[in-house]
């Protein structure tokens, strides 16, 4: 089941105090970005946060699950999604531990004159 756009917008709004939070549709589901880093996925109207050591210690009692078949486990966020401040802190902490995105390669100019 694909995620509902209204739910994805709600997730973004819950972490919007963090700053530059956006989302992009990917394969029928959504990736959540913070500072150009993918920090979470929304799949089947559930929020999955990329696992980090800081996130693990902040969350405490963690439920881990793959966001889609064949994926590595992410942190599955349930009721905590209702707490804006908590979500903002988690997203900032997660992003701080993730590497910067690799620079995009320039498109090839083959065959152009």
Protein backbone atom coordinates (compact mmCIF):
# COMPACT_ATOMS: atom_id res chain seq x y z
CA UNK A 1 0.00 0.00 0.00
CA UNK A 2 1.47 3.36 -0.99
CA UNK A 3 1.68 6.14 1.57
CA UNK A 4 -0.90 8.91 1.64
CA UNK A 5 0.42 12.38 0.75
CA UNK A 6 -1.50 13.89 3.68
CA UNK A 7 0.36 11.62 6.10
CA UNK A 8 3.72 12.52 4.56
CA UNK A 9 2.93 16.23 4.86
CA UNK A 10 1.94 15.67 8.51
CA UNK A 11 5.27 13.91 9.17
CA UNK A 12 7.14 16.81 7.58
CA UNK A 13 5.17 19.32 9.63
CA UNK A 14 5.98 17.44 12.84
CA UNK A 15 9.72 17.92 12.23
CA UNK A 16 9.60 21.28 10.44
CA UNK A 17 11.03 23.16 13.43
CA UNK A 18 14.33 21.42 12.64
CA UNK A 19 14.73 23.62 9.56
CA UNK A 20 15.13 22.48 5.96
CA UNK A 21 12.84 19.39 5.95
CA UNK A 22 11.46 18.18 2.63
CA UNK A 23 10.28 14.99 0.99
CA UNK A 24 10.47 13.36 -2.41
CA UNK A 25 8.35 10.59 -3.86
CA UNK A 26 10.42 7.50 -4.62
CA UNK A 27 9.09 4.18 -5.90
CA UNK A 28 5.56 4.91 -4.66
CA UNK A 29 6.76 5.83 -1.18
CA UNK A 30 8.61 8.87 0.22
CA UNK A 31 12.09 9.85 1.39
CA UNK A 32 12.36 12.55 4.06
CA UNK A 33 15.32 14.92 3.67
CA UNK A 34 17.00 17.20 6.20
CA UNK A 35 19.91 19.35 5.00
CA UNK A 36 19.88 17.36 1.73
CA UNK A 37 20.42 14.09 3.65
CA UNK A 38 17.89 11.27 3.57
CA UNK A 39 17.06 10.83 7.25
CA UNK A 40 13.85 8.82 7.04
CA UNK A 41 11.42 6.95 4.83
CA UNK A 42 7.65 6.92 4.89
CA UNK A 43 6.32 3.56 3.72
CA UNK A 44 2.77 2.25 4.14
CA UNK A 45 1.94 5.37 6.18
CA UNK A 46 4.61 4.56 8.75
CA UNK A 47 7.73 6.57 9.62
CA UNK A 48 11.10 4.82 9.49
CA UNK A 49 14.17 6.75 10.74
CA UNK A 50 17.66 5.81 9.57
CA UNK A 51 19.44 4.07 12.43
CA UNK A 52 22.26 5.93 14.19
CA UNK A 53 23.94 5.49 17.57
CA UNK A 54 22.56 8.83 18.79
CA UNK A 55 19.07 7.99 17.63
CA UNK A 56 19.28 4.61 19.36
CA UNK A 57 20.21 6.23 22.68
CA UNK A 58 17.56 8.96 22.33
CA UNK A 59 14.69 6.64 21.44
CA UNK A 60 15.36 4.16 24.24
CA UNK A 61 12.88 1.33 23.67
CA UNK A 62 13.27 0.85 19.93
CA UNK A 63 11.12 -1.02 17.46
CA UNK A 64 13.13 -1.88 14.36
CA UNK A 65 11.59 -3.00 11.10
CA UNK A 66 12.45 -2.89 7.40
CA UNK A 67 10.54 -0.12 5.59
CA UNK A 68 10.10 -2.38 2.55
CA UNK A 69 10.86 -6.03 1.73
CA UNK A 70 14.60 -6.71 1.57
CA UNK A 71 15.61 -3.46 3.33
CA UNK A 72 17.78 -3.25 6.42
CA UNK A 73 15.88 -2.44 9.65
CA UNK A 74 15.16 1.22 10.43
CA UNK A 75 13.74 2.71 13.63
CA UNK A 76 9.96 2.51 13.39
CA UNK A 77 8.41 5.59 15.00
CA UNK A 78 4.96 5.23 16.53
CA UNK A 79 3.34 7.48 19.10
CA UNK A 80 6.45 9.68 19.41
CA UNK A 81 5.48 11.16 16.04
CA UNK A 82 2.90 13.25 17.93
CA UNK A 83 5.67 15.06 19.88
CA UNK A 84 7.01 17.83 17.61
CA UNK A 85 9.93 18.76 19.83
CA UNK A 86 11.01 15.15 20.20
CA UNK A 87 10.78 14.58 16.44
CA UNK A 88 12.76 17.77 15.73
CA UNK A 89 15.53 16.65 18.10
CA UNK A 90 15.61 13.14 16.63
CA UNK A 91 15.87 14.39 13.04
CA UNK A 92 18.65 16.85 13.90
CA UNK A 93 20.56 14.19 15.84
CA UNK A 94 20.14 11.63 13.06
CA UNK A 95 21.28 14.07 10.35
CA UNK A 96 24.34 15.08 12.39
CA UNK A 97 25.53 11.46 12.36
CA UNK A 98 24.92 10.75 8.69
CA UNK A 99 27.56 11.45 6.04
CA UNK A 100 27.08 14.30 3.61
CA UNK A 101 25.46 13.25 0.33
CA UNK A 102 27.83 12.42 -2.47
CA UNK A 103 28.09 15.15 -5.11
CA UNK A 104 26.00 14.44 -8.18
CA UNK A 105 27.93 13.67 -11.33
CA UNK A 106 27.51 16.07 -14.22
CA UNK A 107 25.49 14.61 -17.07
CA UNK A 108 27.55 13.41 -19.97
CA UNK A 109 27.73 15.65 -23.00
CA UNK A 110 28.30 12.71 -25.41
CA UNK A 111 27.11 13.29 -28.90
CA UNK A 112 26.47 16.99 -28.43
CA UNK A 113 28.19 19.50 -30.61
